[in-house]
Amino acid sequence: MGIIVLPESSYLTSHEMVTEGQMGVTRKASIEWDDGTIRKCYVKVYPSINRIMKICNELTGFLLAKTLGLKQPDSAALIPLNKIYYSDYLPAIDINNTETVWAWITTECGSSIKGVFQLNNIEELYEQDPIGTQQKIAHAFNLICDQKNLPELIAFDDFIANNDRNIGNLVMVGDGEMGIIDHGEILGRIDWIKNLPSLDKKQIFNNHLLNILDGQATSSKDFSKFNLKHKAVESKNHHKNCFITTQELLITWWGNLLEVSNIPINEHQKYIDTLHEFLHYRSHQSSIIFANRIGLVA
């Protein structure tokens, strides 16, 4: 199943809060899907100031990852949130605003590495036990580097310019592989709705998974790191066909979401063309350039 639009009546019950803050609010909720099944899902609501941009990012990352066959939630949806649930998503929602509040929904997918190592309140943990917390982080990073699909994810984050990968949006799915969630901060964490020219397709963005791999600094792991980077370059070779396969669907979704944005309709095509060119360029970039960027070629 890909991305669908659900009616507001599909939102049945709110459950526990997962994250809350100015970047958005996520909580679990019971959602009835179009096939009649009821599933406990993650529902994310972004503040109105960047809601459409973040949802565009979410669906872009989800659809590209799906085409590449990466591990992630099997289903995603958009839903207009019923006003009776607005209070569950404060402060991301202005309850006095009359515009439709669109929420991003994904099904459950494994346990986050942050949760596995009990690092959800990392700042407090550092204050209470800095050495023990650092040891937990080191164990988490070792686990990440042991996952066989790490090279695919390093390459993917470079492709989509994910500048915000962290252990909270990496999930363990079994069989030695990690899944990915949360694409809201892709495209370099740039607010391209407010400043489209800042979306520079040639810019080099911070790749956190690559940083974690490079941080495994013992000489005994150097050959392993070389092999993983070589596999990442091989994975990068799939991005061109991935984008060619997915581009029409992306263009349709971008157009649909821009329709409910505050961007004047006569500028929509400019935004679509810029997003398309950004991902087209990065998906078609040569493997040699990517290999150099990740330190495989001197």
Protein backbone atom coordinates (compact mmCIF):
# COMPACT_ATOMS: atom_id res chain seq x y z
CA MET A 1 0.00 0.00 0.00
CA GLY A 2 1.27 3.50 -0.81
CA ILE A 3 -0.03 6.88 0.34
CA ILE A 4 -3.78 7.42 0.52
CA VAL A 5 -6.14 10.13 1.75
CA LEU A 6 -8.45 9.04 4.55
CA PRO A 7 -11.67 10.78 5.63
CA GLU A 8 -11.61 12.49 9.02
CA SER A 9 -13.98 9.81 10.36
CA SER A 10 -11.10 7.31 10.03
CA TYR A 11 -9.49 8.82 13.11
CA LEU A 12 -11.08 6.81 15.92
CA THR A 13 -9.20 7.38 19.18
CA SER A 14 -6.14 9.25 20.42
CA HIS A 15 -3.58 7.36 22.48
CA GLU A 16 -0.26 8.27 24.09
CA MET A 17 1.88 11.22 23.07
CA VAL A 18 5.17 10.33 21.37
CA THR A 19 6.78 13.73 20.80
CA GLU A 20 5.61 17.27 21.33
CA GLY A 21 7.13 20.65 20.62
CA GLN A 22 7.47 23.46 18.13
CA MET A 23 8.68 21.11 15.37
CA GLY A 24 5.44 19.15 15.49
CA VAL A 25 3.38 16.82 17.64
CA THR A 26 3.24 13.06 17.21
CA ARG A 27 0.97 10.69 19.08
CA LYS A 28 -0.37 7.20 18.57
CA ALA A 29 -3.98 6.83 17.50
CA SER A 30 -6.38 4.16 16.29
CA ILE A 31 -6.99 4.65 12.57
CA GLU A 32 -9.45 2.81 10.35
CA TRP A 33 -7.89 2.21 6.95
CA ASP A 34 -9.68 2.04 3.62
CA ASP A 35 -9.80 -1.77 3.76
CA GLY A 36 -11.69 -1.65 7.08
CA THR A 37 -8.79 -2.68 9.29
CA ILE A 38 -8.17 -0.71 12.47
CA ARG A 39 -4.53 -0.16 13.30
CA LYS A 40 -2.63 1.73 15.96
CA CYS A 41 -0.62 4.31 14.00
CA TYR A 42 1.61 7.32 14.40
CA VAL A 43 -0.14 10.61 13.65
CA LYS A 44 2.03 13.69 13.16
CA VAL A 45 0.74 17.26 13.01
CA TYR A 46 3.10 20.05 12.00
CA PRO A 47 2.57 23.73 12.85
CA SER A 48 0.71 25.70 10.19
CA ILE A 49 3.76 27.83 9.39
CA ASN A 50 5.50 24.90 7.66
CA ARG A 51 2.86 22.15 7.59
CA ILE A 52 2.57 21.76 3.81
CA MET A 53 6.32 21.79 3.29
CA LYS A 54 6.90 19.14 5.96
CA ILE A 55 4.15 16.91 4.59
CA CYS A 56 5.66 17.29 1.10
CA ASN A 57 8.99 16.18 2.56
CA GLU A 58 7.40 13.25 4.38
CA LEU A 59 5.64 11.84 1.34
CA THR A 60 8.65 12.47 -0.92
CA GLY A 61 10.94 10.46 1.34
CA PHE A 62 8.33 7.76 1.87
CA LEU A 63 7.64 7.23 -1.85
CA LEU A 64 11.31 7.17 -2.84
CA ALA A 65 12.16 4.76 -0.01
CA LYS A 66 9.24 2.56 -1.04
CA THR A 67 10.44 2.42 -4.65
CA LEU A 68 13.92 1.44 -3.46
CA GLY A 69 12.47 -1.28 -1.22
CA LEU A 70 13.93 0.17 1.97
CA LYS A 71 12.51 -0.93 5.31
CA GLN A 72 9.93 1.55 6.59
CA PRO A 73 6.25 1.65 7.63
CA ASP A 74 4.24 -0.31 5.06
CA SER A 75 1.51 2.34 4.74
CA ALA A 76 1.13 6.09 4.97
CA ALA A 77 -1.82 8.44 4.67
CA LEU A 78 -3.03 12.00 4.91
CA ILE A 79 -6.11 12.85 6.93
CA PRO A 80 -7.99 16.09 7.62
CA LEU A 81 -8.08 16.19 11.40
CA ASN A 82 -11.48 16.44 13.06
CA LYS A 83 -11.70 19.50 15.30
CA ILE A 84 -12.62 17.37 18.29
CA TYR A 85 -9.00 16.14 18.29
CA TYR A 86 -7.33 19.55 17.95
CA SER A 87 -6.59 19.77 21.67
CA ASP A 88 -4.60 16.51 21.41
CA TYR A 89 -2.09 18.20 19.12
CA LEU A 90 -1.33 21.44 20.91
CA PRO A 91 0.80 23.50 20.42
CA ALA A 92 1.05 22.52 16.73
CA ILE A 93 -2.54 23.61 16.11
CA ASP A 94 -4.15 26.98 16.55
CA ILE A 95 -7.61 25.93 17.69
CA ASN A 96 -9.05 29.25 16.51
CA ASN A 97 -7.80 28.78 12.95
CA THR A 98 -10.50 27.79 10.47
CA GLU A 99 -8.25 26.19 7.83
CA THR A 100 -8.13 22.42 7.38
CA VAL A 101 -5.45 20.75 9.47
CA TRP A 102 -3.82 17.94 7.52
CA ALA A 103 -2.07 15.23 9.53
CA TRP A 104 0.53 12.71 8.34
CA ILE A 105 -0.10 9.08 9.33
CA THR A 106 2.20 6.06 9.22
CA THR A 107 1.76 2.52 10.47
CA GLU A 108 4.00 1.12 13.18
CA CYS A 109 7.43 -0.17 12.18
CA GLY A 110 9.75 -1.76 14.74
CA SER A 111 11.26 -0.15 17.83
CA SER A 112 13.43 2.95 17.60
CA ILE A 113 17.09 2.51 18.51
CA LYS A 114 16.68 5.42 20.93
CA GLY A 115 13.94 3.47 22.69
CA VAL A 116 15.86 0.17 22.64
CA PHE A 117 18.76 1.79 24.51
CA GLN A 118 16.51 3.95 26.74
CA LEU A 119 17.88 7.22 25.39
CA ASN A 120 14.61 9.09 24.97
CA ASN A 121 15.55 11.82 27.47
CA ILE A 122 19.19 12.10 26.51
CA GLU A 123 19.86 15.55 27.99
CA GLU A 124 18.58 14.49 31.41
CA LEU A 125 20.50 11.21 31.19
CA TYR A 126 23.73 13.08 30.48
CA GLU A 127 23.21 15.20 33.59
CA GLN A 128 22.51 12.16 35.77
CA ASP A 129 25.07 9.73 34.36
CA PRO A 130 27.31 11.14 31.59
CA ILE A 131 29.62 8.12 31.39
CA GLY A 132 26.82 5.56 31.36
CA THR A 133 24.90 7.58 28.77
CA GLN A 134 27.95 7.81 26.53
CA GLN A 135 28.37 4.05 26.80
CA LYS A 136 24.74 3.53 25.76
CA ILE A 137 25.24 5.79 22.75
CA ALA A 138 28.40 3.89 21.80
CA HIS A 139 26.47 0.58 21.97
CA ALA A 140 23.70 2.09 19.84
CA PHE A 141 26.21 3.26 17.24
CA ASN A 142 27.85 -0.18 17.18
CA LEU A 143 24.44 -1.76 16.56
CA ILE A 144 23.79 0.66 13.69
CA CYS A 145 27.11 -0.21 12.07
CA ASP A 146 26.34 -3.93 12.35
CA GLN A 147 23.11 -3.67 10.31
CA LYS A 148 23.52 -5.09 6.83
CA ASN A 149 21.46 -2.40 5.11
CA LEU A 150 23.48 0.51 6.56
CA PRO A 151 25.11 1.21 3.14
CA GLU A 152 21.70 1.57 1.46
CA LEU A 153 20.60 4.07 4.10
CA ILE A 154 23.82 6.10 3.87
CA ALA A 155 23.29 6.38 0.12
CA PHE A 156 19.59 7.17 0.51
CA ASP A 157 20.20 9.96 3.02
CA ASP A 158 22.67 11.51 0.59
CA PHE A 159 20.14 11.26 -2.25
CA ILE A 160 17.31 12.96 -0.34
CA ALA A 161 19.66 15.34 1.53
CA ASN A 162 18.54 14.10 4.93
CA ASN A 163 20.26 16.42 7.37
CA ASP A 164 18.42 15.10 10.42
CA ARG A 165 18.94 11.36 10.70
CA ASN A 166 19.18 10.32 14.35
CA ILE A 167 18.77 7.20 16.45
CA GLY A 168 15.17 8.16 17.14
CA ASN A 169 14.15 7.70 13.51
CA LEU A 170 16.05 4.47 12.97
CA VAL A 171 14.04 1.39 13.95
CA MET A 172 14.98 -2.25 14.40
CA VAL A 173 12.96 -4.50 12.12
CA GLY A 174 14.84 -7.78 12.57
CA ASP A 175 16.99 -9.95 10.33
CA GLY A 176 19.94 -7.58 10.77
CA GLU A 177 18.28 -4.60 9.13
CA MET A 178 17.13 -1.14 10.18
CA GLY A 179 14.00 0.65 9.11
CA ILE A 180 13.62 4.39 8.66
CA ILE A 181 10.87 6.77 9.77
CA ASP A 182 10.38 10.54 9.71
CA HIS A 183 11.31 12.35 6.50
CA GLY A 184 10.12 15.77 7.58
CA GLU A 185 13.61 17.28 7.59
CA ILE A 186 14.89 16.04 4.23
CA LEU A 187 16.03 18.37 1.42
CA GLY A 188 18.67 19.76 3.77
CA ARG A 189 16.22 21.01 6.42
CA ILE A 190 15.64 24.01 4.16
CA ASP A 191 12.36 25.90 4.28
CA TRP A 192 11.89 25.86 0.52
CA ILE A 193 8.32 27.18 0.82
CA LYS A 194 9.66 30.48 2.21
CA ASN A 195 12.94 30.55 0.30
CA LEU A 196 12.90 28.37 -2.79
CA PRO A 197 16.29 29.58 -4.17
CA SER A 198 18.01 28.22 -1.05
CA LEU A 199 17.27 24.68 -2.23
CA ASP A 200 20.70 24.09 -3.76
CA LYS A 201 20.91 20.74 -5.54
CA LYS A 202 24.76 20.78 -5.42
CA GLN A 203 25.07 21.46 -1.72
CA ILE A 204 26.72 18.79 0.44
CA PHE A 205 24.51 17.97 3.42
CA ASN A 206 25.47 16.40 6.73
CA ASN A 207 25.11 12.61 6.58
CA HIS A 208 24.72 11.42 10.16
CA LEU A 209 24.89 7.70 9.36
CA LEU A 210 28.17 8.25 7.52
CA ASN A 211 29.44 10.19 10.54
CA ILE A 212 28.53 7.27 12.80
CA LEU A 213 30.35 4.84 10.52
CA ASP A 214 33.44 7.05 10.30
CA GLY A 215 33.38 7.38 14.07
CA GLN A 216 34.22 3.68 14.40
CA ALA A 217 37.87 4.67 14.41
CA THR A 218 39.71 1.47 15.36
CA SER A 219 42.09 0.21 12.71
CA SER A 220 40.57 -3.27 12.86
CA LYS A 221 37.37 -1.83 11.39
CA ASP A 222 38.98 0.12 8.55
CA PHE A 223 38.54 -2.66 5.99
CA SER A 224 34.95 -3.18 7.10
CA LYS A 225 34.27 0.54 6.70
CA PHE A 226 35.79 0.44 3.21
CA ASN A 227 33.49 -2.45 2.24
CA LEU A 228 30.41 -0.68 3.64
CA LYS A 229 31.22 2.50 1.73
CA HIS A 230 31.75 0.48 -1.43
CA LYS A 231 28.30 -1.07 -0.95
CA ALA A 232 26.86 2.41 -0.42
CA VAL A 233 28.22 3.43 -3.82
CA GLU A 234 26.63 0.33 -5.36
CA SER A 235 23.32 1.31 -3.73
CA LYS A 236 23.62 4.83 -5.13
CA ASN A 237 23.46 3.31 -8.64
CA HIS A 238 19.79 2.45 -8.06
CA HIS A 239 18.70 6.04 -7.42
CA LYS A 240 18.44 7.09 -11.06
CA ASN A 241 15.88 4.42 -11.94
CA CYS A 242 14.12 4.99 -8.62
CA PHE A 243 13.53 8.64 -9.41
CA ILE A 244 12.53 7.96 -13.00
CA THR A 245 9.97 5.44 -11.74
CA THR A 246 8.59 7.69 -8.98
CA GLN A 247 8.77 11.18 -10.48
CA GLU A 248 5.27 11.35 -11.98
CA LEU A 249 3.67 10.27 -8.72
CA LEU A 250 5.75 12.82 -6.83
CA ILE A 251 4.78 15.60 -9.23
CA THR A 252 1.11 14.74 -8.74
CA TRP A 253 1.40 14.81 -4.95
CA TRP A 254 3.41 18.05 -4.93
CA GLY A 255 0.75 19.67 -7.08
CA ASN A 256 -2.05 18.44 -4.84
CA LEU A 257 -0.39 19.77 -1.69
CA LEU A 258 0.53 23.10 -3.23
CA GLU A 259 -3.18 23.50 -3.98
CA VAL A 260 -3.86 23.70 -0.24
CA SER A 261 -0.87 25.96 0.49
CA ASN A 262 -0.71 29.74 0.56
CA ILE A 263 1.53 29.85 -2.52
CA PRO A 264 -0.10 31.70 -5.44
CA ILE A 265 -1.30 29.24 -8.07
CA ASN A 266 0.76 30.88 -10.81
CA GLU A 267 3.93 29.95 -8.88
CA HIS A 268 3.11 26.28 -8.31
CA GLN A 269 4.91 25.05 -11.40
CA LYS A 270 8.10 26.87 -10.36
CA TYR A 271 8.06 25.00 -7.04
CA ILE A 272 7.38 21.66 -8.71
CA ASP A 273 10.15 22.23 -11.25
CA THR A 274 12.66 23.15 -8.52
CA LEU A 275 11.84 20.09 -6.40
CA HIS A 276 12.03 17.89 -9.48
CA GLU A 277 15.37 19.32 -10.59
CA PHE A 278 16.82 18.94 -7.08
CA LEU A 279 16.04 15.22 -6.89
CA HIS A 280 16.73 14.58 -10.58
CA TYR A 281 20.23 16.02 -10.19
CA ARG A 282 21.02 14.07 -7.03
CA SER A 283 19.63 10.80 -8.39
CA HIS A 284 21.64 11.12 -11.63
CA GLN A 285 24.88 12.22 -9.98
CA SER A 286 27.84 9.99 -10.82
CA SER A 287 28.98 7.28 -8.45
CA ILE A 288 32.50 8.71 -8.53
CA ILE A 289 31.30 12.03 -7.09
CA PHE A 290 29.38 10.19 -4.38
CA ALA A 291 32.36 7.93 -3.61
CA ASN A 292 34.54 11.00 -3.19
CA ARG A 293 31.97 12.63 -0.93
CA ILE A 294 31.88 9.68 1.47
CA GLY A 295 35.66 9.37 1.56
CA LEU A 296 36.02 6.25 -0.56
CA VAL A 297 38.09 7.99 -3.24
CA ALA A 298 40.96 10.24 -2.27
